[in-house]
Amino acid sequence: MPTLPIPGFERDAHGKPIIGTTPEDLYAYGHLIRSSEQLVLDQFSRGFVSGTTHTCLGQEVCAMAVVRALTHPEDAALSNHRNHGHFLAYSGEFVGLVAEIMGREAGACGGRGGSQHLVWRHFHSNGVQGGMTGIG
């Protein structure tokens, strides 16, 4: 399995990652999201991911921008089937994401949510198109 450099980042008092504001910080975090998505596609093509997966390749900056606008601890993030970038920007839980997608117990949802149904604190996603509309 390829290794990925995970950028160091601080966490706020509520455990959410603090994404820096410099171009270098934003690039590093965007690179983390892009690299993780490429890893997921690689593992999917090798048969290590059951079911399906939808990536957010090309949408990394959108994920970071939306999540950075959530400034209060109780702010919730509702995502869709292309949720990996949103999840990483919101939680910073790279290992939890990859383990979840691969169905491992160490995953963010104990390996039960898979690629499309991720939950972490106030982050919720759903693989059904429009499935989060009623909650929003």
N, C-alpha and C. Protein backbone atom coordinates (compact mmCIF):
# COMPACT_ATOMS: atom_id res chain seq x y z
N MET A 1 0.85 -1.17 0.00
CA MET A 1 0.00 0.00 0.00
C MET A 1 0.90 1.24 0.00
N PRO A 2 0.62 2.23 -0.84
CA PRO A 2 1.46 3.42 -0.86
C PRO A 2 1.32 4.21 0.43
N THR A 3 2.40 4.88 0.81
CA THR A 3 2.34 5.72 2.00
C THR A 3 2.10 7.16 1.58
N LEU A 4 1.41 7.90 2.43
CA LEU A 4 1.09 9.29 2.13
C LEU A 4 1.67 10.18 3.22
N PRO A 5 2.30 11.30 2.84
CA PRO A 5 2.71 12.24 3.87
C PRO A 5 1.48 12.95 4.41
N ILE A 6 1.27 12.88 5.70
CA ILE A 6 0.12 13.54 6.30
C ILE A 6 0.61 14.84 6.92
N PRO A 7 0.09 15.98 6.46
CA PRO A 7 0.59 17.25 6.99
C PRO A 7 0.24 17.37 8.47
N GLY A 8 1.16 17.97 9.21
CA GLY A 8 0.87 18.23 10.61
C GLY A 8 -0.12 19.38 10.72
N PHE A 9 -1.04 19.28 11.65
CA PHE A 9 -1.96 20.38 11.87
C PHE A 9 -2.36 20.39 13.33
N GLU A 10 -2.72 21.56 13.76
CA GLU A 10 -3.21 21.73 15.13
C GLU A 10 -4.69 21.38 15.15
N ARG A 11 -5.19 21.07 16.34
CA ARG A 11 -6.62 20.86 16.53
C ARG A 11 -7.14 21.91 17.50
N ASP A 12 -8.39 22.33 17.28
CA ASP A 12 -8.99 23.28 18.21
C ASP A 12 -9.45 22.55 19.47
N ALA A 13 -10.05 23.28 20.38
CA ALA A 13 -10.48 22.69 21.65
C ALA A 13 -11.53 21.61 21.47
N HIS A 14 -12.17 21.56 20.31
CA HIS A 14 -13.22 20.58 20.04
C HIS A 14 -12.74 19.42 19.18
N GLY A 15 -11.44 19.39 18.90
CA GLY A 15 -10.87 18.27 18.16
C GLY A 15 -10.85 18.42 16.66
N LYS A 16 -11.42 19.51 16.14
CA LYS A 16 -11.42 19.71 14.69
C LYS A 16 -10.06 20.24 14.24
N PRO A 17 -9.61 19.84 13.06
CA PRO A 17 -8.32 20.34 12.58
C PRO A 17 -8.39 21.82 12.26
N ILE A 18 -7.30 22.50 12.51
CA ILE A 18 -7.19 23.90 12.14
C ILE A 18 -6.43 23.94 10.82
N ILE A 19 -7.12 24.30 9.77
CA ILE A 19 -6.50 24.39 8.45
C ILE A 19 -5.93 25.79 8.32
N GLY A 20 -4.63 25.89 8.13
CA GLY A 20 -3.97 27.18 8.04
C GLY A 20 -4.46 28.01 6.88
N THR A 21 -4.03 29.25 6.85
CA THR A 21 -4.51 30.17 5.82
C THR A 21 -3.47 30.47 4.75
N THR A 22 -2.24 30.02 4.95
CA THR A 22 -1.23 30.30 3.94
C THR A 22 -1.46 29.40 2.72
N PRO A 23 -1.01 29.84 1.56
CA PRO A 23 -1.15 28.98 0.38
C PRO A 23 -0.50 27.61 0.59
N GLU A 24 0.62 27.58 1.31
CA GLU A 24 1.30 26.30 1.57
C GLU A 24 0.44 25.38 2.43
N ASP A 25 -0.21 25.94 3.45
CA ASP A 25 -1.09 25.14 4.31
C ASP A 25 -2.26 24.58 3.52
N LEU A 26 -2.88 25.44 2.72
CA LEU A 26 -4.04 25.00 1.94
C LEU A 26 -3.63 23.96 0.91
N TYR A 27 -2.48 24.16 0.28
CA TYR A 27 -2.00 23.18 -0.69
C TYR A 27 -1.74 21.84 -0.02
N ALA A 28 -1.10 21.86 1.15
CA ALA A 28 -0.78 20.62 1.86
C ALA A 28 -2.06 19.85 2.22
N TYR A 29 -3.07 20.56 2.69
CA TYR A 29 -4.30 19.88 3.07
C TYR A 29 -5.05 19.39 1.83
N GLY A 30 -5.05 20.21 0.77
CA GLY A 30 -5.66 19.78 -0.48
C GLY A 30 -4.95 18.56 -1.05
N HIS A 31 -3.62 18.54 -0.89
CA HIS A 31 -2.84 17.39 -1.35
C HIS A 31 -3.20 16.14 -0.54
N LEU A 32 -3.42 16.30 0.77
CA LEU A 32 -3.84 15.17 1.59
C LEU A 32 -5.17 14.60 1.08
N ILE A 33 -6.11 15.49 0.80
CA ILE A 33 -7.42 15.02 0.30
C ILE A 33 -7.25 14.33 -1.05
N ARG A 34 -6.51 14.94 -1.98
CA ARG A 34 -6.31 14.36 -3.30
C ARG A 34 -5.60 13.01 -3.20
N SER A 35 -4.55 12.94 -2.40
CA SER A 35 -3.79 11.69 -2.26
C SER A 35 -4.64 10.59 -1.63
N SER A 36 -5.46 10.96 -0.67
CA SER A 36 -6.31 9.94 -0.04
C SER A 36 -7.33 9.40 -1.03
N GLU A 37 -7.85 10.27 -1.87
CA GLU A 37 -8.81 9.82 -2.88
C GLU A 37 -8.14 8.90 -3.89
N GLN A 38 -6.92 9.22 -4.28
CA GLN A 38 -6.20 8.35 -5.20
C GLN A 38 -5.90 7.00 -4.55
N LEU A 39 -5.61 7.00 -3.25
CA LEU A 39 -5.41 5.76 -2.52
C LEU A 39 -6.69 4.92 -2.51
N VAL A 40 -7.82 5.57 -2.27
CA VAL A 40 -9.10 4.86 -2.25
C VAL A 40 -9.37 4.22 -3.61
N LEU A 41 -9.15 4.97 -4.69
CA LEU A 41 -9.37 4.42 -6.03
C LEU A 41 -8.44 3.25 -6.31
N ASP A 42 -7.20 3.36 -5.86
CA ASP A 42 -6.24 2.27 -6.03
C ASP A 42 -6.71 1.02 -5.29
N GLN A 43 -7.11 1.18 -4.05
CA GLN A 43 -7.56 0.04 -3.26
C GLN A 43 -8.87 -0.54 -3.80
N PHE A 44 -9.72 0.32 -4.33
CA PHE A 44 -10.98 -0.13 -4.93
C PHE A 44 -10.69 -0.99 -6.16
N SER A 45 -9.77 -0.52 -7.01
CA SER A 45 -9.45 -1.27 -8.24
C SER A 45 -8.79 -2.60 -7.94
N ARG A 46 -8.17 -2.73 -6.78
CA ARG A 46 -7.53 -3.98 -6.38
C ARG A 46 -8.49 -4.92 -5.64
N GLY A 47 -9.72 -4.46 -5.44
CA GLY A 47 -10.72 -5.30 -4.79
C GLY A 47 -10.71 -5.27 -3.28
N PHE A 48 -10.01 -4.31 -2.67
CA PHE A 48 -9.96 -4.21 -1.22
C PHE A 48 -11.11 -3.42 -0.63
N VAL A 49 -11.89 -2.78 -1.48
CA VAL A 49 -13.05 -2.00 -1.03
C VAL A 49 -14.29 -2.66 -1.58
N SER A 50 -15.18 -3.05 -0.69
CA SER A 50 -16.42 -3.67 -1.16
C SER A 50 -17.45 -2.59 -1.45
N GLY A 51 -18.41 -2.92 -2.27
CA GLY A 51 -19.43 -1.94 -2.64
C GLY A 51 -18.90 -0.99 -3.69
N THR A 52 -19.26 0.27 -3.54
CA THR A 52 -18.85 1.28 -4.50
C THR A 52 -18.17 2.43 -3.77
N THR A 53 -17.58 3.32 -4.51
CA THR A 53 -16.98 4.51 -3.92
C THR A 53 -17.09 5.66 -4.91
N HIS A 54 -17.28 6.83 -4.39
CA HIS A 54 -17.35 8.05 -5.20
C HIS A 54 -16.36 9.04 -4.60
N THR A 55 -15.44 9.50 -5.41
CA THR A 55 -14.41 10.41 -4.90
C THR A 55 -14.80 11.87 -5.14
N CYS A 56 -14.03 12.74 -4.53
CA CYS A 56 -14.24 14.18 -4.74
C CYS A 56 -13.03 14.79 -5.45
N LEU A 57 -12.39 14.00 -6.31
CA LEU A 57 -11.24 14.52 -7.06
C LEU A 57 -11.66 15.78 -7.82
N GLY A 58 -10.86 16.82 -7.69
CA GLY A 58 -11.17 18.09 -8.33
C GLY A 58 -12.03 19.01 -7.48
N GLN A 59 -12.48 18.53 -6.32
CA GLN A 59 -13.34 19.31 -5.44
C GLN A 59 -12.68 19.58 -4.08
N GLU A 60 -11.38 19.40 -4.00
CA GLU A 60 -10.67 19.51 -2.73
C GLU A 60 -10.79 20.90 -2.11
N VAL A 61 -10.64 21.94 -2.92
CA VAL A 61 -10.70 23.30 -2.40
C VAL A 61 -12.10 23.62 -1.89
N CYS A 62 -13.12 23.13 -2.57
CA CYS A 62 -14.49 23.35 -2.10
C CYS A 62 -14.69 22.76 -0.72
N ALA A 63 -14.19 21.55 -0.51
CA ALA A 63 -14.33 20.90 0.79
C ALA A 63 -13.67 21.73 1.88
N MET A 64 -12.47 22.20 1.63
CA MET A 64 -11.76 22.99 2.64
C MET A 64 -12.45 24.32 2.89
N ALA A 65 -12.92 24.98 1.83
CA ALA A 65 -13.55 26.29 1.99
C ALA A 65 -14.84 26.19 2.80
N VAL A 66 -15.66 25.22 2.50
CA VAL A 66 -16.92 25.07 3.23
C VAL A 66 -16.67 24.77 4.69
N VAL A 67 -15.78 23.85 4.96
CA VAL A 67 -15.52 23.46 6.35
C VAL A 67 -14.87 24.59 7.13
N ARG A 68 -14.01 25.36 6.49
CA ARG A 68 -13.38 26.49 7.20
C ARG A 68 -14.40 27.54 7.59
N ALA A 69 -15.52 27.61 6.90
CA ALA A 69 -16.56 28.58 7.24
C ALA A 69 -17.35 28.16 8.48
N LEU A 70 -17.23 26.92 8.91
CA LEU A 70 -17.92 26.44 10.10
C LEU A 70 -17.07 26.78 11.31
N THR A 71 -17.43 27.84 12.01
CA THR A 71 -16.56 28.35 13.07
C THR A 71 -17.04 28.03 14.48
N HIS A 72 -18.27 27.65 14.65
CA HIS A 72 -18.79 27.34 15.98
C HIS A 72 -18.73 25.84 16.24
N PRO A 73 -18.47 25.44 17.48
CA PRO A 73 -18.35 24.01 17.78
C PRO A 73 -19.59 23.20 17.43
N GLU A 74 -20.75 23.82 17.49
CA GLU A 74 -21.99 23.09 17.20
C GLU A 74 -22.38 23.14 15.72
N ASP A 75 -21.61 23.81 14.89
CA ASP A 75 -21.89 23.84 13.46
C ASP A 75 -21.80 22.43 12.90
N ALA A 76 -22.82 22.05 12.17
CA ALA A 76 -22.86 20.71 11.58
C ALA A 76 -22.49 20.78 10.10
N ALA A 77 -21.94 19.70 9.61
CA ALA A 77 -21.64 19.57 8.19
C ALA A 77 -22.46 18.40 7.67
N LEU A 78 -23.25 18.64 6.65
CA LEU A 78 -24.04 17.60 6.00
C LEU A 78 -23.47 17.40 4.61
N SER A 79 -23.12 16.18 4.28
CA SER A 79 -22.45 15.92 3.02
C SER A 79 -23.22 14.90 2.19
N ASN A 80 -22.70 14.65 1.02
CA ASN A 80 -23.35 13.77 0.05
C ASN A 80 -22.51 12.52 -0.19
N HIS A 81 -22.72 11.88 -1.32
CA HIS A 81 -21.99 10.65 -1.64
C HIS A 81 -20.52 10.89 -1.97
N ARG A 82 -20.14 12.10 -2.28
CA ARG A 82 -18.73 12.44 -2.54
C ARG A 82 -18.18 13.15 -1.29
N ASN A 83 -18.17 12.44 -0.19
CA ASN A 83 -17.95 13.05 1.11
C ASN A 83 -16.54 12.95 1.66
N HIS A 84 -15.66 12.23 1.04
CA HIS A 84 -14.35 11.98 1.65
C HIS A 84 -13.59 13.27 1.95
N GLY A 85 -13.56 14.20 1.00
CA GLY A 85 -12.86 15.46 1.21
C GLY A 85 -13.49 16.28 2.32
N HIS A 86 -14.82 16.32 2.33
CA HIS A 86 -15.51 17.04 3.40
C HIS A 86 -15.17 16.43 4.75
N PHE A 87 -15.18 15.09 4.80
CA PHE A 87 -14.88 14.39 6.05
C PHE A 87 -13.47 14.70 6.53
N LEU A 88 -12.50 14.65 5.63
CA LEU A 88 -11.12 14.94 6.02
C LEU A 88 -10.95 16.38 6.45
N ALA A 89 -11.57 17.31 5.74
CA ALA A 89 -11.45 18.72 6.11
C ALA A 89 -12.12 18.98 7.45
N TYR A 90 -13.21 18.29 7.74
CA TYR A 90 -13.94 18.50 8.99
C TYR A 90 -13.27 17.79 10.16
N SER A 91 -12.80 16.57 9.95
CA SER A 91 -12.32 15.76 11.07
C SER A 91 -10.81 15.62 11.14
N GLY A 92 -10.14 15.64 10.00
CA GLY A 92 -8.71 15.35 9.99
C GLY A 92 -8.39 13.90 10.28
N GLU A 93 -9.39 13.04 10.25
CA GLU A 93 -9.24 11.63 10.62
C GLU A 93 -8.94 10.77 9.39
N PHE A 94 -7.70 10.86 8.90
CA PHE A 94 -7.32 10.11 7.71
C PHE A 94 -7.43 8.60 7.95
N VAL A 95 -6.87 8.13 9.05
CA VAL A 95 -6.91 6.69 9.34
C VAL A 95 -8.35 6.22 9.51
N GLY A 96 -9.17 7.01 10.20
CA GLY A 96 -10.57 6.65 10.39
C GLY A 96 -11.32 6.56 9.07
N LEU A 97 -10.99 7.45 8.13
CA LEU A 97 -11.63 7.43 6.81
C LEU A 97 -11.25 6.18 6.03
N VAL A 98 -9.95 5.93 5.91
CA VAL A 98 -9.50 4.79 5.12
C VAL A 98 -9.97 3.48 5.74
N ALA A 99 -9.89 3.37 7.05
CA ALA A 99 -10.34 2.15 7.72
C ALA A 99 -11.84 1.94 7.50
N GLU A 100 -12.61 3.02 7.53
CA GLU A 100 -14.06 2.90 7.32
C GLU A 100 -14.36 2.43 5.90
N ILE A 101 -13.70 3.02 4.93
CA ILE A 101 -13.94 2.65 3.54
C ILE A 101 -13.59 1.19 3.29
N MET A 102 -12.57 0.70 4.01
CA MET A 102 -12.15 -0.69 3.83
C MET A 102 -12.90 -1.65 4.75
N GLY A 103 -13.91 -1.12 5.48
CA GLY A 103 -14.75 -1.97 6.32
C GLY A 103 -14.08 -2.45 7.59
N ARG A 104 -13.09 -1.73 8.07
CA ARG A 104 -12.36 -2.13 9.27
C ARG A 104 -13.00 -1.55 10.53
N GLU A 105 -12.85 -2.26 11.62
CA GLU A 105 -13.43 -1.84 12.89
C GLU A 105 -12.86 -0.51 13.37
N ALA A 106 -11.64 -0.19 12.98
CA ALA A 106 -11.00 1.07 13.38
C ALA A 106 -11.56 2.27 12.61
N GLY A 107 -12.50 2.04 11.72
CA GLY A 107 -13.08 3.12 10.93
C GLY A 107 -13.91 4.07 11.75
N ALA A 108 -14.21 5.21 11.16
CA ALA A 108 -14.97 6.26 11.84
C ALA A 108 -16.32 5.77 12.35
N CYS A 109 -16.91 4.82 11.67
CA CYS A 109 -18.21 4.25 12.08
C CYS A 109 -18.09 2.76 12.37
N GLY A 110 -16.92 2.34 12.76
CA GLY A 110 -16.70 0.93 13.08
C GLY A 110 -16.70 0.02 11.87
N GLY A 111 -16.51 0.60 10.68
CA GLY A 111 -16.47 -0.19 9.46
C GLY A 111 -17.84 -0.51 8.88
N ARG A 112 -18.89 0.06 9.45
CA ARG A 112 -20.25 -0.25 9.00
C ARG A 112 -20.80 0.75 7.98
N GLY A 113 -20.26 1.96 7.93
CA GLY A 113 -20.81 2.98 7.04
C GLY A 113 -20.23 2.96 5.64
N GLY A 114 -19.02 2.44 5.52
CA GLY A 114 -18.40 2.37 4.21
C GLY A 114 -18.02 3.73 3.66
N SER A 115 -17.98 3.81 2.36
CA SER A 115 -17.52 5.01 1.66
C SER A 115 -18.51 6.16 1.72
N GLN A 116 -19.79 5.87 1.79
CA GLN A 116 -20.78 6.93 1.59
C GLN A 116 -21.53 7.36 2.85
N HIS A 117 -21.42 6.62 3.92
CA HIS A 117 -22.20 6.94 5.12
C HIS A 117 -21.24 7.16 6.29
N LEU A 118 -20.68 8.37 6.36
CA LEU A 118 -19.69 8.71 7.38
C LEU A 118 -20.31 9.63 8.43
N VAL A 119 -19.95 9.37 9.67
CA VAL A 119 -20.40 10.21 10.78
C VAL A 119 -19.21 10.45 11.69
N TRP A 120 -19.02 11.69 12.12
CA TRP A 120 -17.99 12.03 13.10
C TRP A 120 -18.43 13.31 13.78
N ARG A 121 -18.75 13.21 15.04
CA ARG A 121 -19.25 14.34 15.82
C ARG A 121 -20.43 14.99 15.11
N HIS A 122 -20.27 16.23 14.60
CA HIS A 122 -21.37 16.91 13.92
C HIS A 122 -21.26 16.81 12.39
N PHE A 123 -20.54 15.83 11.91
CA PHE A 123 -20.43 15.58 10.47
C PHE A 123 -21.29 14.38 10.12
N HIS A 124 -22.15 14.54 9.13
CA HIS A 124 -23.03 13.45 8.70
C HIS A 124 -23.07 13.43 7.17
N SER A 125 -23.02 12.24 6.61
CA SER A 125 -23.14 12.12 5.16
C SER A 125 -24.05 10.96 4.82
N ASN A 126 -24.56 11.01 3.60
CA ASN A 126 -25.51 10.01 3.15
C ASN A 126 -25.28 9.77 1.68
N GLY A 127 -25.29 8.53 1.26
CA GLY A 127 -25.04 8.19 -0.13
C GLY A 127 -26.24 8.36 -1.04
N VAL A 128 -27.41 8.61 -0.48
CA VAL A 128 -28.62 8.76 -1.29
C VAL A 128 -28.71 10.20 -1.79
N GLN A 129 -28.86 10.37 -3.10
CA GLN A 129 -28.99 11.71 -3.67
C GLN A 129 -30.15 12.45 -3.01
N GLY A 130 -29.87 13.60 -2.42
CA GLY A 130 -30.90 14.39 -1.75
C GLY A 130 -31.28 13.85 -0.38
N GLY A 131 -30.59 12.83 0.09
CA GLY A 131 -30.95 12.20 1.35
C GLY A 131 -30.77 13.07 2.57
N MET A 132 -29.95 14.09 2.49
CA MET A 132 -29.72 14.97 3.64
C MET A 132 -30.62 16.21 3.61
N THR A 133 -31.41 16.37 2.58
CA THR A 133 -32.23 17.56 2.42
C THR A 133 -33.16 17.77 3.60
N GLY A 134 -33.82 16.72 4.03
CA GLY A 134 -34.76 16.85 5.15
C GLY A 134 -34.08 17.25 6.44
N ILE A 135 -32.85 16.83 6.63
CA ILE A 135 -32.11 17.17 7.84
C ILE A 135 -31.65 18.62 7.79
N GLY A 136 -31.23 19.06 6.59
CA GLY A 136 -30.73 20.43 6.42
C GLY A 136 -31.81 21.43 6.67
